[in-house]
Protein backbone atom coordinates (compact mmCIF):
# COMPACT_ATOMS: atom_id res chain seq x y z
CA MET A 1 0.04 0.07 -0.26
CA GLU A 2 1.05 3.52 -0.98
CA PHE A 3 0.27 7.07 -0.22
CA ASN A 4 -1.87 6.70 -3.55
CA LEU A 5 -5.34 7.74 -3.61
CA ALA A 6 -7.06 4.31 -5.00
CA ASP A 7 -4.51 2.22 -2.91
CA LEU A 8 -5.66 4.81 0.31
CA PHE A 9 -9.86 4.76 -0.81
CA GLU A 10 -9.40 0.63 -0.56
CA ALA A 11 -7.91 0.52 2.62
CA VAL A 12 -11.06 2.80 3.98
CA ALA A 13 -13.55 0.36 1.87
CA ASP A 14 -12.08 -2.84 2.95
CA ALA A 15 -12.01 -1.22 6.56
CA VAL A 16 -15.78 -0.19 6.69
CA PRO A 17 -17.56 -1.99 3.97
CA ASP A 18 -20.91 -1.71 5.33
CA ARG A 19 -21.06 2.47 5.84
CA THR A 20 -22.41 4.43 3.81
CA ALA A 21 -19.97 6.50 1.77
CA LEU A 22 -21.97 8.42 -0.72
CA ILE A 23 -25.70 10.09 -0.90
CA ALA A 24 -26.20 12.05 -4.11
CA GLY A 25 -30.32 12.48 -4.82
CA ASP A 26 -32.25 8.76 -4.77
CA ARG A 27 -28.96 7.35 -4.52
CA ARG A 28 -27.00 5.95 -1.49
CA LEU A 29 -24.03 3.88 -1.98
CA THR A 30 -21.93 1.71 0.88
CA TYR A 31 -17.92 2.01 0.83
CA ARG A 32 -18.12 -1.67 -0.51
CA GLU A 33 -20.30 -0.75 -3.28
CA LEU A 34 -19.15 2.55 -3.70
CA ASP A 35 -15.26 0.38 -4.28
CA GLU A 36 -17.10 -2.39 -6.78
CA ARG A 37 -18.43 0.13 -9.46
CA ALA A 38 -15.10 2.31 -9.17
CA ASN A 39 -13.40 -1.02 -9.85
CA ARG A 40 -15.88 -1.55 -13.02
CA VAL A 41 -15.18 1.70 -14.28
CA ALA A 42 -11.08 1.22 -14.24
CA HIS A 43 -11.29 -2.14 -15.97
CA TYR A 44 -13.56 -0.63 -18.25
CA LEU A 45 -10.89 1.53 -19.51
CA ARG A 46 -8.22 -0.67 -19.09
CA ASP A 47 -10.27 -2.88 -21.22
CA VAL A 48 -10.40 0.09 -23.77
CA GLY A 49 -6.92 0.66 -24.30
CA VAL A 50 -6.73 3.60 -21.64
CA LEU A 51 -3.08 3.44 -20.36
CA PRO A 52 -1.48 4.57 -17.20
CA GLY A 53 -1.21 8.46 -17.02
CA GLN A 54 -3.32 9.22 -19.63
CA HIS A 55 -6.84 11.35 -19.58
CA VAL A 56 -10.00 11.10 -18.98
CA GLY A 57 -12.52 13.60 -18.60
CA ILE A 58 -15.48 14.09 -16.61
CA TYR A 59 -18.55 16.38 -18.15
CA ALA A 60 -21.51 15.85 -15.60
CA PHE A 61 -23.38 17.66 -12.97
CA ASN A 62 -22.99 16.37 -9.49
CA ARG A 63 -23.69 13.08 -9.28
CA ALA A 64 -22.80 9.32 -7.83
CA GLU A 65 -21.21 8.38 -10.83
CA TRP A 66 -18.85 11.56 -10.81
CA VAL A 67 -17.27 10.16 -7.90
CA GLU A 68 -17.55 6.63 -9.10
CA SER A 69 -15.59 7.59 -12.10
CA MET A 70 -12.87 9.60 -10.67
CA LEU A 71 -12.10 6.53 -8.51
CA GLY A 72 -12.28 4.06 -11.38
CA CYS A 73 -9.50 6.78 -13.37
CA PHE A 74 -7.55 6.71 -10.23
CA LYS A 75 -7.35 2.28 -9.61
CA ALA A 76 -6.77 2.53 -13.11
CA ARG A 77 -3.55 5.07 -13.01
CA ALA A 78 -5.50 7.31 -15.31
CA VAL A 79 -6.03 10.92 -14.47
CA PRO A 80 -9.57 12.31 -14.61
CA ILE A 81 -9.75 15.47 -15.54
CA ASN A 82 -12.38 18.14 -14.06
CA VAL A 83 -14.69 19.80 -16.74
CA ASN A 84 -17.04 22.95 -16.47
CA TYR A 85 -20.26 21.79 -17.64
CA ARG A 86 -21.16 25.88 -17.82
CA TYR A 87 -18.52 25.82 -21.20
CA VAL A 88 -19.24 26.89 -24.10
CA VAL A 89 -17.81 25.01 -27.41
CA GLU A 90 -14.16 26.87 -27.88
CA GLU A 91 -13.87 26.49 -24.18
CA LEU A 92 -14.51 23.55 -24.63
CA ARG A 93 -11.88 22.30 -27.18
CA TYR A 94 -10.00 23.98 -25.96
CA LEU A 95 -10.00 22.33 -22.44
CA PHE A 96 -10.07 18.90 -24.56
CA ASP A 97 -7.25 19.57 -26.20
CA ASN A 98 -4.97 21.15 -23.95
CA ALA A 99 -5.77 18.24 -21.58
CA ASP A 100 -5.09 15.41 -24.35
CA LEU A 101 -8.28 14.06 -23.28
CA VAL A 102 -8.44 10.03 -24.59
CA ALA A 103 -12.44 9.38 -23.05
CA LEU A 104 -14.94 11.79 -21.81
CA ILE A 105 -17.57 10.74 -19.77
CA PHE A 106 -20.56 12.94 -19.98
CA GLU A 107 -24.19 13.66 -19.15
CA ALA A 108 -26.47 13.00 -22.39
CA GLU A 109 -27.80 16.66 -22.20
CA PHE A 110 -24.14 17.94 -23.56
CA GLY A 111 -23.81 15.59 -25.95
CA PRO A 112 -24.28 18.40 -28.90
CA HIS A 113 -21.40 20.05 -27.60
CA VAL A 114 -19.69 16.92 -27.52
CA VAL A 115 -20.16 16.18 -31.34
CA SER A 116 -19.28 20.31 -32.09
CA VAL A 117 -15.63 19.30 -30.47
CA LEU A 118 -15.10 16.26 -31.74
CA PRO A 119 -13.22 17.31 -34.59
CA GLY A 120 -10.95 19.02 -33.27
CA VAL A 121 -9.28 16.53 -30.96
CA PRO A 122 -8.28 13.59 -32.62
CA LYS A 123 -6.98 12.10 -29.59
CA LEU A 124 -10.66 11.18 -28.10
CA ARG A 125 -11.73 8.79 -29.25
CA HIS A 126 -13.74 6.99 -26.05
CA LEU A 127 -16.82 8.31 -25.18
CA VAL A 128 -19.38 6.98 -22.46
CA GLN A 129 -22.62 8.77 -21.71
CA LEU A 130 -24.15 8.86 -18.48
CA ASP A 131 -28.15 8.95 -18.39
CA ASP A 132 -29.32 12.22 -16.84
CA GLY A 133 -33.20 11.98 -17.60
CA THR A 134 -33.03 13.90 -20.52
CA ASN A 135 -33.95 11.95 -23.28
CA THR A 136 -31.50 13.87 -25.52
CA VAL A 137 -30.75 12.00 -28.34
CA THR A 138 -27.64 13.43 -30.41
CA ALA A 139 -26.85 12.55 -33.80
CA GLY A 140 -23.66 11.35 -34.85
CA LEU A 141 -22.52 10.74 -31.38
CA ASP A 142 -20.78 7.07 -31.39
CA ALA A 143 -21.08 6.56 -27.03
CA VAL A 144 -21.61 3.47 -25.27
CA ASP A 145 -23.47 3.92 -21.86
CA TYR A 146 -22.50 4.21 -18.65
CA GLU A 147 -24.70 1.12 -17.08
CA ASP A 148 -24.07 -0.93 -20.00
CA ALA A 149 -20.01 -0.04 -19.52
CA LEU A 150 -20.25 -0.98 -15.64
CA ALA A 151 -22.42 -4.24 -16.22
CA ALA A 152 -19.88 -6.03 -18.80
CA ALA A 153 -17.17 -4.62 -16.67
CA GLU A 154 -15.20 -6.67 -14.10
CA PRO A 155 -16.27 -5.60 -10.50
CA THR A 156 -13.15 -6.96 -8.79
CA ARG A 157 -9.84 -5.28 -7.98
CA ASP A 158 -8.38 -8.58 -9.58
CA GLY A 159 -5.63 -7.72 -12.61
CA LEU A 160 -6.03 -3.68 -11.91
CA LEU A 161 -1.95 -2.71 -11.77
CA PRO A 162 0.05 -1.57 -8.91
CA ARG A 163 0.50 1.78 -7.69
CA SER A 164 2.80 4.42 -7.23
CA PRO A 165 2.51 7.72 -4.76
CA ASP A 166 3.84 9.46 -8.38
CA ASP A 167 0.56 8.88 -10.10
CA LEU A 168 -0.96 12.20 -10.78
CA TYR A 169 -3.99 14.28 -9.62
CA VAL A 170 -4.52 17.00 -11.90
CA LEU A 171 -7.11 20.10 -11.24
CA TYR A 172 -7.99 22.22 -14.05
CA THR A 173 -8.48 25.94 -12.65
CA GLY A 174 -10.04 28.60 -14.58
CA GLY A 175 -9.08 31.41 -12.02
CA THR A 176 -10.72 34.66 -12.67
CA THR A 177 -8.89 35.55 -15.99
CA GLY A 178 -7.48 33.80 -18.96
CA MET A 179 -8.12 29.92 -20.03
CA PRO A 180 -7.91 27.07 -17.68
CA LYS A 181 -4.57 25.87 -16.70
CA GLY A 182 -4.13 22.23 -15.01
CA VAL A 183 -2.21 21.59 -12.32
CA MET A 184 -0.64 19.00 -11.70
CA TRP A 185 -0.26 17.02 -8.30
CA ARG A 186 1.70 13.89 -7.19
CA ALA A 187 -1.16 11.53 -5.49
CA GLU A 188 1.21 11.46 -2.58
CA ASP A 189 1.05 15.11 -2.25
CA ILE A 190 -2.59 16.51 -2.70
CA PHE A 191 -3.21 13.82 -0.04
CA PHE A 192 -1.65 15.48 2.24
CA ALA A 193 -1.84 19.16 1.08
CA ALA A 194 -5.33 19.23 0.53
CA MET A 195 -7.24 15.54 1.26
CA GLY A 196 -6.58 15.83 5.07
CA GLY A 197 -3.69 13.80 5.24
CA GLY A 198 -5.34 11.05 7.12
CA ASN A 199 -5.99 13.24 10.04
CA TYR A 200 -7.88 16.30 9.33
CA GLY A 201 -7.00 19.31 11.72
CA GLY A 202 -3.63 17.66 13.01
CA PRO A 203 -0.57 16.24 11.65
CA GLY A 204 -0.64 13.75 8.36
CA ILE A 205 -0.29 10.27 9.20
CA GLU A 206 3.37 8.63 8.77
CA HIS A 207 2.78 5.73 6.55
CA PRO A 208 -0.28 4.42 5.25
CA ALA A 209 -1.54 1.71 7.14
CA ASP A 210 -2.14 4.86 9.68
CA LEU A 211 -5.32 5.46 8.10
CA THR A 212 -7.45 3.31 9.41
CA LYS A 213 -6.37 3.54 12.51
CA ASN A 214 -7.99 7.15 12.31
CA LEU A 215 -10.91 6.08 11.06
CA SER A 216 -14.15 7.92 13.32
CA GLY A 217 -15.80 5.67 15.21
CA THR A 218 -18.99 7.32 14.45
CA PRO A 219 -19.00 8.13 10.99
CA GLY A 220 -19.98 12.00 10.50
CA ILE A 221 -22.36 13.42 7.60
CA SER A 222 -20.37 15.87 5.06
CA PHE A 223 -22.12 18.03 2.41
CA ALA A 224 -20.18 19.35 0.17
CA LEU A 225 -22.14 21.74 -1.97
CA ALA A 226 -20.17 23.07 -4.65
CA PRO A 227 -19.77 21.46 -8.23
CA LEU A 228 -16.96 18.31 -8.63
CA MET A 229 -15.96 20.01 -11.45
CA HIS A 230 -14.12 22.47 -8.59
CA GLY A 231 -11.24 21.36 -6.59
CA ASN A 232 -13.62 22.48 -3.37
CA ALA A 233 -15.90 19.63 -3.72
CA GLN A 234 -12.99 16.93 -4.27
CA TRP A 235 -11.41 17.91 -1.86
CA SER A 236 -13.74 18.20 0.59
CA THR A 237 -15.24 14.48 -0.68
CA PHE A 238 -11.89 12.77 -0.03
CA VAL A 239 -11.20 14.36 3.60
CA ALA A 240 -15.15 12.87 4.11
CA LEU A 241 -14.33 9.71 2.65
CA PHE A 242 -10.75 9.52 3.70
CA GLY A 243 -12.18 9.38 7.38
CA GLY A 244 -14.40 6.97 7.06
CA ASN A 245 -17.38 9.00 7.02
CA SER A 246 -20.26 10.17 4.56
CA VAL A 247 -20.47 12.63 1.96
CA THR A 248 -24.21 14.09 0.65
CA LEU A 249 -23.70 15.41 -2.52
CA ASN A 250 -25.92 18.63 -3.99
CA ALA A 251 -27.56 16.48 -7.08
CA SER A 252 -30.13 19.27 -7.74
CA ARG A 253 -28.96 21.46 -10.93
CA ARG A 254 -30.09 24.78 -9.38
CA PHE A 255 -28.97 26.23 -6.16
CA ASP A 256 -32.40 26.31 -3.94
CA ALA A 257 -31.23 27.32 -0.55
CA ASP A 258 -34.41 25.81 1.00
CA GLU A 259 -34.01 22.52 -0.28
CA ILE A 260 -30.48 22.20 0.41
CA TRP A 261 -31.52 23.49 3.90
CA ASP A 262 -33.75 20.24 3.62
CA LEU A 263 -31.79 17.82 2.11
CA VAL A 264 -29.00 19.13 5.38
CA GLU A 265 -32.21 18.15 7.96
CA ARG A 266 -33.18 14.97 6.29
CA GLU A 267 -29.62 13.47 6.00
CA GLY A 268 -28.39 14.27 9.31
CA VAL A 269 -25.75 16.55 7.97
CA ASN A 270 -23.03 17.79 10.44
CA VAL A 271 -20.30 19.80 8.03
CA ILE A 272 -21.10 21.53 5.13
CA SER A 273 -18.41 22.87 2.80
CA LEU A 274 -19.05 25.73 0.65
CA VAL A 275 -17.18 28.33 -1.86
CA GLY A 276 -17.74 31.91 0.18
CA ASP A 277 -20.80 34.68 -0.41
CA ALA A 278 -22.13 33.36 -3.33
CA MET A 279 -23.17 29.75 -1.62
CA ALA A 280 -23.47 31.07 1.73
CA ARG A 281 -25.79 34.27 1.75
CA PRO A 282 -29.17 31.97 0.01
CA LEU A 283 -28.33 29.98 3.19
CA VAL A 284 -28.08 32.61 5.72
CA ASP A 285 -31.37 34.39 4.33
CA ALA A 286 -33.44 31.19 4.31
CA LEU A 287 -32.25 30.82 8.18
CA ALA A 288 -34.78 34.38 8.32
CA HIS A 289 -37.81 31.75 7.95
CA ARG A 290 -36.29 28.60 9.33
CA THR A 291 -34.12 27.07 12.07
CA ALA A 292 -30.70 26.16 11.39
CA PRO A 293 -30.57 21.72 11.57
CA SER A 294 -29.30 21.01 15.26
CA THR A 295 -27.04 18.38 13.30
CA LEU A 296 -25.22 20.72 11.81
CA PHE A 297 -22.00 21.79 14.03
CA ALA A 298 -19.72 23.42 10.92
CA LEU A 299 -19.78 25.86 7.66
CA VAL A 300 -16.40 25.35 5.71
CA SER A 301 -15.72 28.25 2.90
CA GLY A 302 -12.86 27.25 0.74
CA GLY A 303 -11.94 29.05 -2.51
CA ALA A 304 -13.33 31.95 -1.73
CA ILE A 305 -13.66 34.00 1.54
CA LEU A 306 -16.76 34.43 3.35
CA SER A 307 -17.69 38.40 4.27
CA PRO A 308 -17.67 39.66 8.01
CA ALA A 309 -21.61 40.54 6.84
CA ILE A 310 -21.91 37.17 6.75
CA LYS A 311 -20.17 35.79 8.81
CA GLN A 312 -21.98 37.82 11.34
CA GLU A 313 -25.33 37.02 10.23
CA LEU A 314 -24.50 33.31 10.78
CA ASN A 315 -23.42 33.62 14.00
CA GLU A 316 -26.93 35.50 15.05
CA ARG A 317 -29.16 33.17 13.15
CA ALA A 318 -27.25 29.21 13.60
CA PRO A 319 -25.38 30.44 17.24
CA ASN A 320 -24.17 26.99 17.35
CA VAL A 321 -22.21 26.55 14.03
CA ALA A 322 -18.83 26.62 13.47
CA ILE A 323 -17.67 28.94 11.09
CA ILE A 324 -14.50 28.22 9.43
CA ASP A 325 -12.45 29.94 6.07
CA ALA A 326 -10.16 27.61 5.14
CA PHE A 327 -7.97 29.43 2.58
CA GLY A 328 -6.20 27.98 -0.06
CA ALA A 329 -5.35 27.47 -3.88
CA SER A 330 -5.04 24.64 -6.47
CA GLU A 331 -1.46 25.72 -6.74
CA THR A 332 -0.99 25.26 -2.43
CA GLY A 333 -3.78 23.00 -1.22
CA ALA A 334 -5.06 23.80 2.01
CA ASN A 335 -2.97 26.37 3.40
CA GLY A 336 -5.01 27.76 7.04
CA ALA A 337 -7.38 29.40 8.45
CA VAL A 338 -8.94 32.98 7.91
CA ASP A 339 -10.24 35.68 9.88
CA VAL A 340 -11.15 38.16 7.62
CA THR A 341 -11.38 41.80 9.41
CA ASP A 342 -12.48 45.18 8.07
CA LYS A 343 -9.01 45.50 7.03
CA GLY A 344 -9.17 42.40 5.09
CA PRO A 345 -8.25 38.55 5.28
CA ARG A 346 -5.74 37.40 7.78
CA PHE A 347 -5.22 33.52 8.17
CA HIS A 348 -3.07 31.46 10.32
CA MET A 349 -0.44 29.89 8.15
CA ASN A 350 0.38 26.19 8.34
CA GLU A 351 4.23 25.46 8.88
CA TRP A 352 4.63 24.89 5.27
CA THR A 353 2.94 28.51 3.98
CA THR A 354 4.31 31.79 4.72
CA VAL A 355 5.70 35.21 2.83
CA ILE A 356 8.80 35.84 0.90
CA THR A 357 10.54 38.11 -1.10
CA GLU A 358 11.14 38.45 -4.76
CA GLU A 359 14.69 37.13 -3.63
CA GLY A 360 13.16 33.91 -1.85
CA ASP A 361 13.66 35.13 1.33
CA ILE A 362 11.22 35.40 4.52
CA ALA A 363 9.63 38.74 4.27
CA PRO A 364 9.75 40.93 7.31
CA ALA A 365 7.07 41.68 9.41
CA GLY A 366 5.04 44.49 7.72
CA GLU A 367 6.68 44.15 4.36
CA ILE A 368 4.46 43.36 1.11
CA GLY A 369 5.41 40.08 -0.12
CA LEU A 370 4.68 36.88 -1.87
CA LEU A 371 2.32 33.96 -0.69
CA ALA A 372 4.52 30.79 -0.84
CA ARG A 373 4.02 27.17 0.39
CA ARG A 374 6.96 24.65 -0.02
CA GLY A 375 7.14 20.73 0.79
CA HIS A 376 3.74 19.26 -0.35
CA VAL A 377 3.55 21.16 -3.65
CA PRO A 378 2.42 20.52 -7.41
CA VAL A 379 4.54 19.19 -10.18
CA GLY A 380 3.62 21.94 -12.80
CA TYR A 381 1.32 23.25 -14.80
CA TYR A 382 0.46 20.40 -17.54
CA LYS A 383 2.06 21.27 -20.99
CA ASP A 384 2.90 25.49 -19.79
CA ALA A 385 6.88 25.21 -19.06
CA GLU A 386 6.93 28.94 -18.84
CA LYS A 387 4.16 28.95 -16.09
CA THR A 388 5.34 26.42 -14.39
CA ALA A 389 8.72 28.00 -13.70
CA ALA A 390 7.02 31.16 -12.91
CA THR A 391 4.48 29.91 -10.12
CA PHE A 392 6.75 26.50 -8.88
CA THR A 393 10.41 28.09 -8.32
CA GLU A 394 13.22 26.77 -6.51
CA MET A 395 15.37 29.61 -4.63
CA HIS A 396 17.90 28.76 -1.56
CA GLY A 397 17.28 25.03 -1.85
CA VAL A 398 13.73 25.53 -1.51
CA ARG A 399 11.39 24.77 -3.94
CA TRP A 400 8.16 27.10 -3.45
CA ALA A 401 4.40 27.08 -4.86
CA ILE A 402 3.94 30.60 -5.39
CA PRO A 403 -0.07 31.20 -6.97
CA GLY A 404 0.43 34.91 -7.25
CA ASP A 405 -1.25 36.62 -4.33
CA ARG A 406 0.34 39.32 -2.42
CA ALA A 407 0.37 39.47 1.32
CA VAL A 408 2.16 40.48 4.69
CA ILE A 409 3.34 38.75 7.89
CA GLU A 410 1.74 40.53 10.38
CA HIS A 411 3.57 41.18 13.83
CA ASP A 412 1.03 38.62 15.45
CA GLY A 413 2.27 36.18 12.93
CA THR A 414 -0.92 35.96 11.20
CA ILE A 415 -0.89 36.61 7.47
CA THR A 416 -3.06 39.77 5.64
CA VAL A 417 -3.53 38.25 2.18
CA LEU A 418 -3.84 41.47 -0.39
CA GLY A 419 -4.95 39.48 -3.80
CA ARG A 420 -3.33 38.99 -6.74
CA GLY A 421 -0.78 40.84 -8.69
CA SER A 422 -2.93 40.46 -11.68
CA GLN A 423 -5.82 42.04 -10.16
CA CYS A 424 -3.87 45.12 -8.53
CA ILE A 425 -5.39 48.61 -9.10
CA ASN A 426 -2.28 51.30 -9.60
CA THR A 427 -3.69 54.44 -8.95
CA GLY A 428 -1.44 57.61 -9.18
CA GLY A 429 1.15 54.25 -8.26
CA GLU A 430 -0.05 53.74 -5.03
CA LYS A 431 -1.27 49.82 -5.28
CA VAL A 432 -4.70 48.40 -4.52
CA PHE A 433 -6.09 45.00 -3.94
CA PRO A 434 -9.52 44.70 -4.74
CA GLU A 435 -9.91 42.01 -2.57
CA GLU A 436 -9.65 44.28 0.17
CA VAL A 437 -11.56 47.35 -0.78
CA GLU A 438 -14.20 44.34 -1.30
CA ALA A 439 -14.43 43.01 1.82
CA VAL A 440 -14.60 46.65 3.01
CA LEU A 441 -17.79 46.97 0.85
CA LYS A 442 -19.24 43.79 1.46
CA SER A 443 -19.38 44.42 5.45
CA HIS A 444 -22.03 46.97 4.85
CA PRO A 445 -25.26 45.77 5.07
CA ASP A 446 -27.27 47.11 2.18
CA VAL A 447 -24.64 45.35 -0.22
CA PHE A 448 -25.16 42.06 -1.35
CA ASP A 449 -22.27 41.19 -3.16
CA ALA A 450 -18.95 43.26 -4.90
CA VAL A 451 -16.68 42.95 -7.23
CA VAL A 452 -13.77 45.70 -7.25
CA VAL A 453 -11.66 46.57 -10.20
CA GLY A 454 -9.57 49.56 -12.01
CA VAL A 455 -10.98 51.26 -14.73
CA PRO A 456 -8.59 54.04 -17.09
CA ASP A 457 -7.99 57.33 -15.64
CA GLU A 458 -6.35 60.30 -16.96
CA ARG A 459 -4.98 61.31 -14.41
CA TRP A 460 -4.20 58.71 -12.65
CA GLY A 461 -4.26 55.98 -14.89
CA GLU A 462 -6.15 53.98 -13.37
CA SER A 463 -9.72 54.40 -10.77
CA VAL A 464 -10.61 52.31 -8.16
CA ALA A 465 -14.66 51.57 -9.55
CA ALA A 466 -17.29 48.73 -7.66
CA VAL A 467 -19.58 46.38 -9.24
CA ILE A 468 -22.22 46.31 -6.60
CA ALA A 469 -25.38 44.37 -6.26
CA PRO A 470 -27.45 45.62 -3.39
CA ARG A 471 -29.54 43.23 -0.92
CA ALA A 472 -33.50 42.93 -1.80
CA GLY A 473 -34.98 46.01 -1.60
CA ARG A 474 -32.23 47.91 -0.35
CA THR A 475 -30.00 51.10 -2.11
CA VAL A 476 -26.72 52.18 -2.24
CA SER A 477 -24.81 55.08 -3.53
CA LEU A 478 -20.84 56.26 -3.96
CA GLU A 479 -21.25 58.91 -1.29
CA LEU A 480 -22.99 56.39 1.56
CA LEU A 481 -20.12 53.64 0.71
CA THR A 482 -17.55 56.37 0.75
CA GLU A 483 -18.26 57.05 3.98
CA HIS A 484 -18.21 53.08 4.82
CA CYS A 485 -14.81 52.58 3.50
CA ARG A 486 -13.50 55.52 5.00
CA THR A 487 -12.94 53.94 8.42
CA ALA A 488 -11.00 51.29 7.17
CA LEU A 489 -9.30 52.60 4.08
CA ALA A 490 -6.67 55.14 3.19
CA GLY A 491 -8.50 57.46 0.22
CA TYR A 492 -6.18 56.10 -2.49
CA LYS A 493 -8.40 52.93 -2.00
CA LEU A 494 -11.36 54.44 -1.85
CA PRO A 495 -13.95 53.83 -5.15
CA ARG A 496 -14.42 56.41 -7.27
CA ARG A 497 -17.35 55.56 -9.03
CA ILE A 498 -19.76 52.69 -8.49
CA VAL A 499 -22.21 50.74 -10.96
CA VAL A 500 -25.41 49.11 -9.69
CA VAL A 501 -26.44 45.75 -11.02
CA ASP A 502 -29.18 43.07 -10.05
CA THR A 503 -26.58 40.14 -9.62
CA VAL A 504 -22.63 40.31 -9.58
CA GLU A 505 -21.12 37.41 -11.86
CA ARG A 506 -18.91 35.22 -10.34
CA THR A 507 -17.28 31.68 -12.03
CA PRO A 508 -18.67 28.63 -11.38
CA ALA A 509 -16.37 27.98 -8.50
CA GLY A 510 -17.79 30.81 -7.36
CA LYS A 511 -14.71 33.43 -7.32
CA PRO A 512 -15.57 37.11 -8.85
CA ASN A 513 -15.26 37.38 -12.45
CA TYR A 514 -13.04 40.03 -12.99
CA ARG A 515 -13.17 40.14 -16.68
CA TRP A 516 -16.90 40.72 -17.08
CA ALA A 517 -16.88 43.37 -13.81
CA LYS A 518 -14.28 45.91 -15.64
CA ALA A 519 -16.19 45.40 -18.43
CA THR A 520 -19.59 46.54 -16.84
CA ALA A 521 -17.52 48.82 -15.35
CA VAL A 522 -15.83 50.62 -18.25
CA ALA A 523 -19.39 50.51 -20.73
CA ALA A 524 -21.09 52.67 -17.28
CA SER A 525 -18.05 55.14 -17.34
């Protein structure tokens, strides 16, 4: 047994075969059942000629088959590739080609997109279609039915190749700008960096065999609320599975807060993982007319930080629920827990994460530097040597992952995260980091959501603009928000203009869509 994701899952499945592993809509699978179905996926992939290290796309909404397919890929030593189901044809063509997909597991609804993309991706030879209830029939699509493929495949682990800690886990991340990039991790590194390391919240295990010693005696129930195409949901799912717990997925194709709370009550969910205000706000608002479920003891946000206003309301409406802001990135895994102050997010770093200078030295307290992680870090970006060299850099004999966040070590040892340099606003020579201003704006009771961007300014080069979605029934003005921000921000950081919209557009992962926000702000100027 190795620090390999498939090996580790199989150890848990053997230790607690009859526990419920996965709940997705009306599907409930024990660890034994999930293991067997993943074995069938693995054997199917091997039988059709998918080789170790080759890439298999998963193009689907949240459902049990997403997890089955992912585990099946690991078991076959293939690499599952997350496909954003909101992509249009051109984006899909880029992703399928860039990722060198040789096989694709997809929902029937997406068949027309797949047909449109196929001529440009000759390496994609094997198509497996999931029945999604839409009765979509796509002419010219030569695909195997998922259930038929599994029915004909071997349910045991017999004949599967020995695995390695070096087997790859790849997460395609679109970030906030540009085309998606595939972040490549060794299985062992992602296990420790983002999947709990066999002892979530504590030091990682020393030997693979130690994993089953830490399994929960009384299994908890975790709710991975984000789409599985996003790292947040994948990591939350594997944290739960490696602990012998149950995972619930949001298998609905819409985000209905009351339906989600009903599911939490029905299943007795203990922990919800989600992505920032975009998911938390409707859940908090729904608690205005209902009681928080008594089984819930923690809500964890990863991938986007909760604003102070959301956390305050959640504390008021669900006082027994712990709120945890987990700070991390596709390029670094989990880094620490966040406290959002009125001046921006601060986090308590783990031993692997710090702030460094451009030369690779630890930055002095109070000096702006680069957030960086050492230890378990990715191999690099798939097929992008230039970005790999820029992000994963060895300095003074230490290999660092440097995702691009500017940050400051405070005198108490916490870190204030200022934001990505790519979104940094240069106004008259002063640098403004959007996340800092956004945190202050969203602390105003009349603001539902906000994104801050720089817009052209004849005098200053750029000026600060905010795209604001007010809360229902509320109005906002530049004067009102300027006075609010003035108590926490220097004058050059204050928004010089605001654009009021009904909804702030965000990525499927819940991150700000800065490209859209900038276009909106410029068009309104």
